[in-house]
Amino acid sequence: MAMWMLFGVIWIASFLEYCSSMVLYISVATYYFNSSPEGDGSAEVGFAIQSTLGAHAGTVAFASFIIAVIRFIKIVFIYMAKQAEK
């Protein structure tokens, strides 16, 4: 049960990490494309949050699941290596 809970914590942490990264990326992209030679544009953070959680939540969840599996395997192998040293 503890292993499942550890995996869940890793997955949730990865999801939050990559959601915040995607909001940042979309905000930067909207700032860049809203800018012109006459002046700076605006970063549409609200649109970025809506787009990330509305349209791309499944993509972020799937990507964070893959990253969580890799991190979980890494943690298990590190634990097994430390047990083997003892």
Foldseek 3Di string as FASTA:
>chain_A
DVLVVLLVVQLVVQLVVVLVVQLVVQQVVCQVVQQDPVGTGGRDSVVSNCCCVPVNSVVSSVVSNVVSVVVSVVVVVVVVVVVVVD
